[in-house]
Amino acid sequence: MGRIGLFDLERHFAFYGAYHSNPVNILIHTLFVWPILFTSLVLLYFTPSLYTFPAGLSHGFLLNFGFVFTAIYALFYVCLDKKAGSLAALLCVLCWVGASLLAGRLGFSLAWKVVLAAQLFCWTGQFIGHGVFEKRAPALLDNLVQAFLMAPFFVLLEVLQTAFGYEPYPGFHASVKEKIDANLKEWCEKKQKKIS
């Protein structure tokens, strides 16, 4: 039932999951990943508009890089899984709307300071999660694009699975767990070789 290539949710989830097997690290990511996306969209609000609405129609929303990133994330998530992906897409759009309203209200001179503080706080938490609890470098060191693109969807799927027992299709979590276990075993073996 899984897909292949770019839209192989099992492969993406297993890659990301192999770096997030400690419950405390997963909780930290659940709390901090979406705020990182949100605050990034606040900053991207100040990028040049790709289209100018006629006077009075924009209501403070700009079709800029923030919108483009939101659309890419939303479409990618829907392609990965229609149900959870649609929820993730809705959350992305709500983040873009909220970030646009906040950025418009704060103005650039204050917004970048708020973004900087939030990003430093969230990223510090995530690195502590990896260093102290996971004891493994973050996924972004091995695949930056995949880590950034999958992080919000990964934590959403974690919450949906934990809270509601959701899986994109029957056997998804068992298959992913098998791949994660194999990845962790390979990583431990490499780590042991470096030590000896």
N, C-alpha and C. Protein backbone atom coordinates (compact mmCIF):
# COMPACT_ATOMS: atom_id res chain seq x y z
N MET A 1 0.82 -1.20 0.00
CA MET A 1 0.00 0.00 0.00
C MET A 1 0.85 1.26 0.00
N GLY A 2 2.11 1.13 0.39
CA GLY A 2 2.99 2.29 0.43
C GLY A 2 3.35 2.76 -0.97
N ARG A 3 3.79 3.98 -1.03
CA ARG A 3 4.22 4.55 -2.30
C ARG A 3 5.73 4.44 -2.40
N ILE A 4 6.24 4.83 -3.54
CA ILE A 4 7.68 4.78 -3.74
C ILE A 4 8.22 6.18 -4.02
N GLY A 5 9.51 6.31 -3.92
CA GLY A 5 10.16 7.56 -4.28
C GLY A 5 9.87 8.68 -3.30
N LEU A 6 9.65 9.86 -3.84
CA LEU A 6 9.45 11.07 -3.06
C LEU A 6 8.25 10.96 -2.11
N PHE A 7 7.23 10.21 -2.50
CA PHE A 7 6.01 10.12 -1.70
C PHE A 7 5.92 8.84 -0.89
N ASP A 8 7.06 8.23 -0.61
CA ASP A 8 7.12 7.02 0.21
C ASP A 8 7.08 7.41 1.68
N LEU A 9 5.88 7.44 2.24
CA LEU A 9 5.71 7.88 3.62
C LEU A 9 6.44 6.97 4.60
N GLU A 10 6.43 5.67 4.34
CA GLU A 10 7.14 4.74 5.23
C GLU A 10 8.62 5.08 5.31
N ARG A 11 9.24 5.32 4.17
CA ARG A 11 10.67 5.63 4.14
C ARG A 11 10.96 6.93 4.89
N HIS A 12 10.15 7.97 4.61
CA HIS A 12 10.34 9.26 5.28
C HIS A 12 10.14 9.11 6.80
N PHE A 13 9.08 8.44 7.17
CA PHE A 13 8.75 8.30 8.59
C PHE A 13 9.80 7.46 9.31
N ALA A 14 10.30 6.41 8.64
CA ALA A 14 11.34 5.56 9.23
C ALA A 14 12.66 6.34 9.38
N PHE A 15 13.00 7.14 8.37
CA PHE A 15 14.21 7.96 8.45
C PHE A 15 14.12 8.90 9.65
N TYR A 16 13.03 9.62 9.73
CA TYR A 16 12.86 10.59 10.80
C TYR A 16 12.72 9.88 12.15
N GLY A 17 11.99 8.79 12.17
CA GLY A 17 11.77 8.04 13.41
C GLY A 17 13.03 7.44 13.99
N ALA A 18 13.98 7.12 13.14
CA ALA A 18 15.25 6.54 13.62
C ALA A 18 16.05 7.54 14.45
N TYR A 19 15.76 8.82 14.27
CA TYR A 19 16.43 9.87 15.03
C TYR A 19 15.60 10.35 16.21
N HIS A 20 14.41 9.76 16.35
CA HIS A 20 13.47 10.21 17.38
C HIS A 20 12.79 9.00 18.01
N SER A 21 13.55 8.25 18.79
CA SER A 21 12.96 7.06 19.42
C SER A 21 12.81 7.25 20.93
N ASN A 22 13.44 8.27 21.49
CA ASN A 22 13.33 8.54 22.93
C ASN A 22 12.04 9.33 23.19
N PRO A 23 11.20 8.89 24.13
CA PRO A 23 9.93 9.57 24.39
C PRO A 23 10.07 11.05 24.78
N VAL A 24 11.11 11.39 25.54
CA VAL A 24 11.31 12.79 25.93
C VAL A 24 11.68 13.63 24.71
N ASN A 25 12.55 13.10 23.86
CA ASN A 25 12.92 13.82 22.64
C ASN A 25 11.71 13.98 21.73
N ILE A 26 10.88 12.96 21.64
CA ILE A 26 9.66 13.07 20.81
C ILE A 26 8.74 14.15 21.37
N LEU A 27 8.59 14.21 22.69
CA LEU A 27 7.76 15.24 23.32
C LEU A 27 8.33 16.63 23.03
N ILE A 28 9.63 16.78 23.17
CA ILE A 28 10.27 18.07 22.89
C ILE A 28 9.99 18.49 21.45
N HIS A 29 10.13 17.56 20.52
CA HIS A 29 9.86 17.89 19.11
C HIS A 29 8.39 18.21 18.89
N THR A 30 7.51 17.48 19.57
CA THR A 30 6.08 17.74 19.44
C THR A 30 5.75 19.17 19.88
N LEU A 31 6.43 19.64 20.91
CA LEU A 31 6.18 20.99 21.42
C LEU A 31 6.84 22.09 20.59
N PHE A 32 7.99 21.79 19.96
CA PHE A 32 8.78 22.86 19.35
C PHE A 32 8.80 22.91 17.82
N VAL A 33 8.44 21.83 17.14
CA VAL A 33 8.56 21.82 15.67
C VAL A 33 7.58 22.80 15.02
N TRP A 34 6.32 22.74 15.40
CA TRP A 34 5.34 23.64 14.77
C TRP A 34 5.62 25.10 15.08
N PRO A 35 6.05 25.46 16.30
CA PRO A 35 6.43 26.87 16.52
C PRO A 35 7.61 27.32 15.65
N ILE A 36 8.52 26.41 15.34
CA ILE A 36 9.62 26.76 14.42
C ILE A 36 9.05 27.07 13.04
N LEU A 37 8.13 26.25 12.57
CA LEU A 37 7.50 26.52 11.28
C LEU A 37 6.75 27.85 11.32
N PHE A 38 5.96 28.05 12.37
CA PHE A 38 5.17 29.27 12.50
C PHE A 38 6.06 30.52 12.48
N THR A 39 7.10 30.52 13.30
CA THR A 39 7.96 31.70 13.37
C THR A 39 8.76 31.90 12.09
N SER A 40 9.06 30.82 11.38
CA SER A 40 9.70 30.96 10.06
C SER A 40 8.76 31.68 9.10
N LEU A 41 7.49 31.34 9.17
CA LEU A 41 6.49 32.00 8.32
C LEU A 41 6.31 33.46 8.69
N VAL A 42 6.48 33.78 9.98
CA VAL A 42 6.43 35.20 10.39
C VAL A 42 7.53 35.96 9.67
N LEU A 43 8.73 35.40 9.67
CA LEU A 43 9.86 36.08 9.01
C LEU A 43 9.67 36.13 7.49
N LEU A 44 9.16 35.04 6.92
CA LEU A 44 8.95 35.00 5.47
C LEU A 44 7.85 35.95 5.00
N TYR A 45 7.03 36.44 5.91
CA TYR A 45 6.01 37.43 5.58
C TYR A 45 6.64 38.68 4.97
N PHE A 46 7.86 38.95 5.38
CA PHE A 46 8.53 40.18 4.95
C PHE A 46 9.30 40.02 3.64
N THR A 47 9.17 38.87 2.98
CA THR A 47 9.78 38.69 1.66
C THR A 47 8.90 39.39 0.61
N PRO A 48 9.47 39.73 -0.53
CA PRO A 48 8.69 40.45 -1.55
C PRO A 48 7.48 39.63 -2.01
N SER A 49 6.40 40.35 -2.27
CA SER A 49 5.17 39.71 -2.76
C SER A 49 5.36 39.29 -4.21
N LEU A 50 4.88 38.10 -4.53
CA LEU A 50 4.99 37.59 -5.90
C LEU A 50 3.81 38.03 -6.75
N TYR A 51 2.76 38.51 -6.08
CA TYR A 51 1.56 38.99 -6.77
C TYR A 51 0.96 40.08 -5.90
N THR A 52 0.55 41.16 -6.53
CA THR A 52 -0.07 42.26 -5.79
C THR A 52 -1.57 42.23 -6.05
N PHE A 53 -2.32 42.08 -4.96
CA PHE A 53 -3.78 42.10 -5.06
C PHE A 53 -4.26 43.51 -5.38
N PRO A 54 -5.41 43.61 -6.04
CA PRO A 54 -6.00 44.95 -6.22
C PRO A 54 -6.28 45.58 -4.85
N ALA A 55 -6.29 46.89 -4.80
CA ALA A 55 -6.46 47.62 -3.53
C ALA A 55 -7.66 47.10 -2.75
N GLY A 56 -7.43 46.85 -1.46
CA GLY A 56 -8.51 46.43 -0.57
C GLY A 56 -8.81 44.94 -0.55
N LEU A 57 -8.16 44.14 -1.38
CA LEU A 57 -8.46 42.71 -1.43
C LEU A 57 -7.48 41.83 -0.67
N SER A 58 -6.32 42.35 -0.31
CA SER A 58 -5.31 41.48 0.30
C SER A 58 -5.57 41.20 1.78
N HIS A 59 -6.21 42.12 2.49
CA HIS A 59 -6.49 41.96 3.92
C HIS A 59 -5.24 41.60 4.71
N GLY A 60 -4.09 42.08 4.28
CA GLY A 60 -2.84 41.83 5.00
C GLY A 60 -2.13 40.55 4.59
N PHE A 61 -2.71 39.79 3.68
CA PHE A 61 -2.08 38.54 3.24
C PHE A 61 -1.32 38.79 1.94
N LEU A 62 -0.10 38.25 1.89
CA LEU A 62 0.74 38.44 0.72
C LEU A 62 1.07 37.09 0.10
N LEU A 63 1.04 37.04 -1.21
CA LEU A 63 1.48 35.82 -1.90
C LEU A 63 2.99 35.96 -2.09
N ASN A 64 3.70 35.62 -1.03
CA ASN A 64 5.15 35.75 -1.00
C ASN A 64 5.77 34.37 -0.75
N PHE A 65 7.04 34.36 -0.34
CA PHE A 65 7.71 33.07 -0.10
C PHE A 65 7.07 32.30 1.05
N GLY A 66 6.51 32.99 2.02
CA GLY A 66 5.80 32.31 3.09
C GLY A 66 4.63 31.51 2.54
N PHE A 67 3.89 32.12 1.62
CA PHE A 67 2.78 31.41 0.99
C PHE A 67 3.28 30.24 0.15
N VAL A 68 4.36 30.46 -0.59
CA VAL A 68 4.91 29.40 -1.44
C VAL A 68 5.34 28.20 -0.60
N PHE A 69 6.07 28.45 0.48
CA PHE A 69 6.48 27.35 1.36
C PHE A 69 5.28 26.65 1.97
N THR A 70 4.29 27.41 2.37
CA THR A 70 3.07 26.82 2.94
C THR A 70 2.41 25.91 1.91
N ALA A 71 2.30 26.38 0.68
CA ALA A 71 1.66 25.58 -0.38
C ALA A 71 2.46 24.30 -0.66
N ILE A 72 3.78 24.40 -0.69
CA ILE A 72 4.62 23.23 -0.94
C ILE A 72 4.44 22.21 0.18
N TYR A 73 4.55 22.67 1.41
CA TYR A 73 4.37 21.77 2.56
C TYR A 73 2.99 21.12 2.52
N ALA A 74 1.95 21.94 2.34
CA ALA A 74 0.57 21.43 2.36
C ALA A 74 0.34 20.39 1.26
N LEU A 75 0.77 20.69 0.06
CA LEU A 75 0.57 19.75 -1.05
C LEU A 75 1.38 18.47 -0.85
N PHE A 76 2.59 18.60 -0.36
CA PHE A 76 3.44 17.43 -0.11
C PHE A 76 2.78 16.52 0.93
N TYR A 77 2.27 17.10 2.00
CA TYR A 77 1.64 16.30 3.05
C TYR A 77 0.39 15.59 2.55
N VAL A 78 -0.41 16.26 1.74
CA VAL A 78 -1.62 15.63 1.19
C VAL A 78 -1.23 14.48 0.27
N CYS A 79 -0.15 14.65 -0.49
CA CYS A 79 0.32 13.57 -1.37
C CYS A 79 0.84 12.37 -0.57
N LEU A 80 1.40 12.63 0.61
CA LEU A 80 1.91 11.53 1.44
C LEU A 80 0.77 10.70 2.02
N ASP A 81 -0.26 11.36 2.50
CA ASP A 81 -1.40 10.68 3.12
C ASP A 81 -2.59 11.63 3.07
N LYS A 82 -3.66 11.20 2.44
CA LYS A 82 -4.79 12.11 2.24
C LYS A 82 -5.43 12.58 3.56
N LYS A 83 -5.63 11.69 4.52
CA LYS A 83 -6.32 12.08 5.76
C LYS A 83 -5.43 12.94 6.65
N ALA A 84 -4.34 12.38 7.14
CA ALA A 84 -3.45 13.14 8.02
C ALA A 84 -2.80 14.29 7.26
N GLY A 85 -2.53 14.09 5.99
CA GLY A 85 -1.95 15.14 5.17
C GLY A 85 -2.88 16.33 5.02
N SER A 86 -4.17 16.07 4.92
CA SER A 86 -5.14 17.17 4.84
C SER A 86 -5.17 17.96 6.13
N LEU A 87 -5.09 17.26 7.25
CA LEU A 87 -5.04 17.95 8.55
C LEU A 87 -3.75 18.76 8.65
N ALA A 88 -2.63 18.17 8.24
CA ALA A 88 -1.36 18.89 8.27
C ALA A 88 -1.40 20.11 7.34
N ALA A 89 -2.03 19.95 6.17
CA ALA A 89 -2.15 21.07 5.23
C ALA A 89 -2.97 22.19 5.85
N LEU A 90 -4.06 21.82 6.52
CA LEU A 90 -4.89 22.82 7.19
C LEU A 90 -4.07 23.55 8.27
N LEU A 91 -3.31 22.80 9.05
CA LEU A 91 -2.46 23.42 10.07
C LEU A 91 -1.42 24.36 9.46
N CYS A 92 -0.86 23.95 8.32
CA CYS A 92 0.11 24.81 7.61
C CYS A 92 -0.55 26.12 7.18
N VAL A 93 -1.73 26.02 6.61
CA VAL A 93 -2.44 27.22 6.16
C VAL A 93 -2.79 28.10 7.35
N LEU A 94 -3.25 27.49 8.46
CA LEU A 94 -3.54 28.27 9.66
C LEU A 94 -2.29 28.94 10.21
N CYS A 95 -1.16 28.26 10.14
CA CYS A 95 0.12 28.87 10.55
C CYS A 95 0.44 30.06 9.67
N TRP A 96 0.24 29.91 8.35
CA TRP A 96 0.52 31.01 7.43
C TRP A 96 -0.39 32.21 7.71
N VAL A 97 -1.67 31.93 7.93
CA VAL A 97 -2.61 33.01 8.22
C VAL A 97 -2.23 33.70 9.53
N GLY A 98 -2.00 32.90 10.58
CA GLY A 98 -1.63 33.48 11.88
C GLY A 98 -0.31 34.23 11.82
N ALA A 99 0.66 33.66 11.13
CA ALA A 99 1.97 34.31 11.00
C ALA A 99 1.85 35.63 10.23
N SER A 100 1.03 35.63 9.19
CA SER A 100 0.83 36.85 8.41
C SER A 100 0.18 37.95 9.26
N LEU A 101 -0.85 37.57 10.03
CA LEU A 101 -1.52 38.55 10.88
C LEU A 101 -0.58 39.08 11.95
N LEU A 102 0.18 38.17 12.58
CA LEU A 102 1.12 38.59 13.62
C LEU A 102 2.22 39.49 13.04
N ALA A 103 2.79 39.07 11.92
CA ALA A 103 3.87 39.84 11.30
C ALA A 103 3.38 41.23 10.89
N GLY A 104 2.19 41.29 10.30
CA GLY A 104 1.62 42.58 9.90
C GLY A 104 1.40 43.50 11.09
N ARG A 105 1.04 42.91 12.20
CA ARG A 105 0.78 43.69 13.41
C ARG A 105 2.08 44.14 14.09
N LEU A 106 3.08 43.25 14.13
CA LEU A 106 4.34 43.57 14.81
C LEU A 106 5.23 44.50 14.00
N GLY A 107 5.24 44.33 12.69
CA GLY A 107 6.19 45.06 11.86
C GLY A 107 7.55 44.37 11.93
N PHE A 108 8.38 44.63 10.93
CA PHE A 108 9.65 43.91 10.84
C PHE A 108 10.57 44.17 12.02
N SER A 109 10.63 45.43 12.49
CA SER A 109 11.60 45.78 13.53
C SER A 109 11.36 45.01 14.83
N LEU A 110 10.14 44.61 15.13
CA LEU A 110 9.87 43.81 16.32
C LEU A 110 9.76 42.32 15.98
N ALA A 111 9.21 42.01 14.82
CA ALA A 111 8.98 40.61 14.44
C ALA A 111 10.27 39.80 14.40
N TRP A 112 11.33 40.35 13.82
CA TRP A 112 12.56 39.56 13.72
C TRP A 112 13.12 39.24 15.10
N LYS A 113 12.92 40.12 16.09
CA LYS A 113 13.40 39.86 17.45
C LYS A 113 12.58 38.74 18.11
N VAL A 114 11.28 38.77 17.90
CA VAL A 114 10.40 37.72 18.43
C VAL A 114 10.75 36.38 17.78
N VAL A 115 10.95 36.40 16.47
CA VAL A 115 11.31 35.18 15.74
C VAL A 115 12.64 34.64 16.23
N LEU A 116 13.62 35.51 16.37
CA LEU A 116 14.95 35.09 16.83
C LEU A 116 14.86 34.43 18.21
N ALA A 117 14.15 35.06 19.13
CA ALA A 117 14.02 34.51 20.48
C ALA A 117 13.31 33.15 20.45
N ALA A 118 12.23 33.06 19.71
CA ALA A 118 11.48 31.80 19.63
C ALA A 118 12.30 30.71 18.96
N GLN A 119 12.99 31.04 17.88
CA GLN A 119 13.79 30.05 17.17
C GLN A 119 14.94 29.56 18.06
N LEU A 120 15.62 30.47 18.73
CA LEU A 120 16.71 30.07 19.62
C LEU A 120 16.20 29.15 20.73
N PHE A 121 15.08 29.49 21.33
CA PHE A 121 14.49 28.68 22.39
C PHE A 121 14.11 27.29 21.87
N CYS A 122 13.41 27.25 20.75
CA CYS A 122 12.94 25.96 20.21
C CYS A 122 14.09 25.10 19.72
N TRP A 123 15.04 25.69 19.01
CA TRP A 123 16.18 24.91 18.51
C TRP A 123 17.05 24.41 19.66
N THR A 124 17.24 25.23 20.69
CA THR A 124 18.01 24.80 21.86
C THR A 124 17.33 23.59 22.50
N GLY A 125 16.02 23.67 22.65
CA GLY A 125 15.28 22.54 23.20
C GLY A 125 15.46 21.28 22.38
N GLN A 126 15.42 21.41 21.07
CA GLN A 126 15.56 20.24 20.22
C GLN A 126 16.97 19.66 20.29
N PHE A 127 17.98 20.51 20.32
CA PHE A 127 19.35 19.99 20.43
C PHE A 127 19.59 19.34 21.79
N ILE A 128 18.99 19.90 22.83
CA ILE A 128 19.06 19.24 24.15
C ILE A 128 18.37 17.89 24.07
N GLY A 129 17.23 17.83 23.42
CA GLY A 129 16.52 16.55 23.26
C GLY A 129 17.38 15.51 22.59
N HIS A 130 18.12 15.91 21.57
CA HIS A 130 18.99 14.96 20.87
C HIS A 130 20.23 14.62 21.69
N GLY A 131 20.87 15.63 22.25
CA GLY A 131 22.12 15.39 22.97
C GLY A 131 21.94 14.67 24.29
N VAL A 132 20.95 15.07 25.06
CA VAL A 132 20.77 14.53 26.41
C VAL A 132 19.92 13.26 26.40
N PHE A 133 18.84 13.26 25.65
CA PHE A 133 17.88 12.15 25.73
C PHE A 133 18.05 11.13 24.60
N GLU A 134 18.17 11.61 23.38
CA GLU A 134 18.29 10.68 22.24
C GLU A 134 19.70 10.14 22.12
N LYS A 135 20.67 10.98 22.48
CA LYS A 135 22.10 10.65 22.36
C LYS A 135 22.47 10.32 20.91
N ARG A 136 21.87 11.08 20.01
CA ARG A 136 22.14 10.93 18.58
C ARG A 136 21.97 12.29 17.93
N ALA A 137 22.82 12.56 16.96
CA ALA A 137 22.75 13.83 16.24
C ALA A 137 21.39 13.95 15.55
N PRO A 138 20.89 15.17 15.35
CA PRO A 138 19.60 15.36 14.68
C PRO A 138 19.62 14.88 13.23
N ALA A 139 18.44 14.55 12.72
CA ALA A 139 18.29 14.07 11.35
C ALA A 139 18.76 15.11 10.34
N LEU A 140 18.65 16.38 10.70
CA LEU A 140 19.01 17.43 9.73
C LEU A 140 20.48 17.40 9.35
N LEU A 141 21.32 16.76 10.17
CA LEU A 141 22.74 16.65 9.82
C LEU A 141 22.98 15.63 8.71
N ASP A 142 22.06 14.69 8.53
CA ASP A 142 22.19 13.69 7.47
C ASP A 142 21.38 14.03 6.22
N ASN A 143 20.25 14.70 6.39
CA ASN A 143 19.42 15.06 5.25
C ASN A 143 18.60 16.29 5.63
N LEU A 144 19.15 17.45 5.37
CA LEU A 144 18.57 18.72 5.79
C LEU A 144 17.16 18.93 5.24
N VAL A 145 16.99 18.73 3.94
CA VAL A 145 15.69 18.98 3.31
C VAL A 145 14.63 18.03 3.86
N GLN A 146 14.97 16.75 3.91
CA GLN A 146 14.00 15.77 4.41
C GLN A 146 13.63 16.06 5.86
N ALA A 147 14.61 16.42 6.67
CA ALA A 147 14.35 16.70 8.08
C ALA A 147 13.41 17.90 8.23
N PHE A 148 13.68 18.99 7.51
CA PHE A 148 12.83 20.18 7.62
C PHE A 148 11.43 19.93 7.05
N LEU A 149 11.37 19.24 5.95
CA LEU A 149 10.08 19.00 5.31
C LEU A 149 9.22 18.02 6.10
N MET A 150 9.84 17.00 6.69
CA MET A 150 9.08 15.96 7.37
C MET A 150 8.79 16.26 8.84
N ALA A 151 9.53 17.13 9.47
CA ALA A 151 9.39 17.34 10.92
C ALA A 151 7.96 17.67 11.35
N PRO A 152 7.30 18.66 10.74
CA PRO A 152 5.92 18.95 11.19
C PRO A 152 4.97 17.77 10.97
N PHE A 153 5.11 17.09 9.85
CA PHE A 153 4.22 15.96 9.57
C PHE A 153 4.53 14.79 10.51
N PHE A 154 5.80 14.58 10.79
CA PHE A 154 6.20 13.50 11.70
C PHE A 154 5.56 13.69 13.07
N VAL A 155 5.67 14.88 13.65
CA VAL A 155 5.11 15.07 14.98
C VAL A 155 3.59 14.99 14.96
N LEU A 156 2.96 15.45 13.89
CA LEU A 156 1.50 15.31 13.78
C LEU A 156 1.11 13.84 13.73
N LEU A 157 1.81 13.05 12.91
CA LEU A 157 1.51 11.61 12.84
C LEU A 157 1.76 10.92 14.18
N GLU A 158 2.79 11.34 14.90
CA GLU A 158 3.06 10.79 16.23
C GLU A 158 1.88 11.05 17.16
N VAL A 159 1.38 12.28 17.15
CA VAL A 159 0.25 12.64 18.01
C VAL A 159 -0.99 11.86 17.59
N LEU A 160 -1.27 11.80 16.30
CA LEU A 160 -2.45 11.07 15.82
C LEU A 160 -2.37 9.59 16.16
N GLN A 161 -1.18 9.02 16.05
CA GLN A 161 -1.01 7.60 16.35
C GLN A 161 -1.15 7.35 17.85
N THR A 162 -0.52 8.19 18.66
CA THR A 162 -0.55 8.01 20.11
C THR A 162 -1.95 8.28 20.69
N ALA A 163 -2.57 9.36 20.26
CA ALA A 163 -3.85 9.76 20.83
C ALA A 163 -5.04 8.99 20.26
N PHE A 164 -4.98 8.63 18.96
CA PHE A 164 -6.14 8.05 18.31
C PHE A 164 -5.88 6.70 17.65
N GLY A 165 -4.64 6.21 17.71
CA GLY A 165 -4.31 4.95 17.07
C GLY A 165 -4.32 5.02 15.55
N TYR A 166 -4.17 6.22 15.01
CA TYR A 166 -4.24 6.41 13.56
C TYR A 166 -3.02 5.80 12.86
N GLU A 167 -3.26 5.17 11.75
CA GLU A 167 -2.19 4.80 10.83
C GLU A 167 -2.70 4.98 9.42
N PRO A 168 -1.85 5.47 8.53
CA PRO A 168 -2.28 5.78 7.16
C PRO A 168 -2.91 4.59 6.43
N TYR A 169 -2.44 3.40 6.73
CA TYR A 169 -3.01 2.17 6.18
C TYR A 169 -2.63 1.03 7.11
N PRO A 170 -3.37 -0.06 7.07
CA PRO A 170 -3.08 -1.18 7.99
C PRO A 170 -1.64 -1.69 7.82
N GLY A 171 -0.97 -1.85 8.93
CA GLY A 171 0.39 -2.37 8.92
C GLY A 171 1.47 -1.30 8.79
N PHE A 172 1.06 -0.04 8.66
CA PHE A 172 2.01 1.06 8.48
C PHE A 172 3.00 1.13 9.64
N HIS A 173 2.49 1.20 10.86
CA HIS A 173 3.38 1.37 12.01
C HIS A 173 4.28 0.16 12.24
N ALA A 174 3.77 -1.03 11.98
CA ALA A 174 4.60 -2.23 12.13
C ALA A 174 5.75 -2.21 11.12
N SER A 175 5.43 -1.83 9.89
CA SER A 175 6.46 -1.77 8.85
C SER A 175 7.49 -0.69 9.16
N VAL A 176 7.02 0.46 9.62
CA VAL A 176 7.93 1.56 9.95
C VAL A 176 8.81 1.17 11.13
N LYS A 177 8.22 0.55 12.15
CA LYS A 177 9.00 0.13 13.32
C LYS A 177 10.11 -0.83 12.92
N GLU A 178 9.81 -1.73 12.01
CA GLU A 178 10.81 -2.68 11.51
C GLU A 178 11.97 -1.94 10.85
N LYS A 179 11.65 -0.94 10.04
CA LYS A 179 12.68 -0.15 9.36
C LYS A 179 13.48 0.69 10.36
N ILE A 180 12.80 1.26 11.34
CA ILE A 180 13.48 2.06 12.36
C ILE A 180 14.44 1.18 13.15
N ASP A 181 13.96 0.00 13.56
CA ASP A 181 14.81 -0.93 14.32
C ASP A 181 16.05 -1.32 13.52
N ALA A 182 15.89 -1.57 12.22
CA ALA A 182 17.02 -1.93 11.38
C ALA A 182 18.00 -0.75 11.27
N ASN A 183 17.46 0.46 11.12
CA ASN A 183 18.30 1.65 11.03
C ASN A 183 19.06 1.87 12.33
N LEU A 184 18.38 1.72 13.47
CA LEU A 184 19.04 1.91 14.76
C LEU A 184 20.11 0.86 15.00
N LYS A 185 19.84 -0.38 14.58
CA LYS A 185 20.82 -1.45 14.73
C LYS A 185 22.07 -1.13 13.91
N GLU A 186 21.87 -0.68 12.67
CA GLU A 186 23.00 -0.31 11.80
C GLU A 186 23.77 0.85 12.42
N TRP A 187 23.08 1.84 12.95
CA TRP A 187 23.73 3.00 13.57
C TRP A 187 24.55 2.57 14.79
N CYS A 188 23.99 1.69 15.63
CA CYS A 188 24.72 1.20 16.81
C CYS A 188 25.97 0.42 16.42
N GLU A 189 25.86 -0.37 15.36
CA GLU A 189 27.02 -1.13 14.88
C GLU A 189 28.12 -0.19 14.39
N LYS A 190 27.74 0.85 13.66
CA LYS A 190 28.73 1.83 13.18
C LYS A 190 29.36 2.56 14.35
N LYS A 191 28.55 2.88 15.34
CA LYS A 191 29.05 3.57 16.52
C LYS A 191 30.04 2.70 17.28
N GLN A 192 29.75 1.40 17.39
CA GLN A 192 30.64 0.46 18.06
C GLN A 192 31.98 0.33 17.32
N LYS A 193 31.92 0.31 15.97
CA LYS A 193 33.14 0.20 15.19
C LYS A 193 34.03 1.42 15.40
N LYS A 194 33.42 2.60 15.53
CA LYS A 194 34.20 3.82 15.76
C LYS A 194 34.87 3.79 17.12
N ILE A 195 34.19 3.21 18.11
CA ILE A 195 34.74 3.16 19.46
C ILE A 195 35.89 2.18 19.53
N SER A 196 35.76 1.02 18.84
CA SER A 196 36.82 -0.01 18.93
C SER A 196 37.93 0.18 17.96
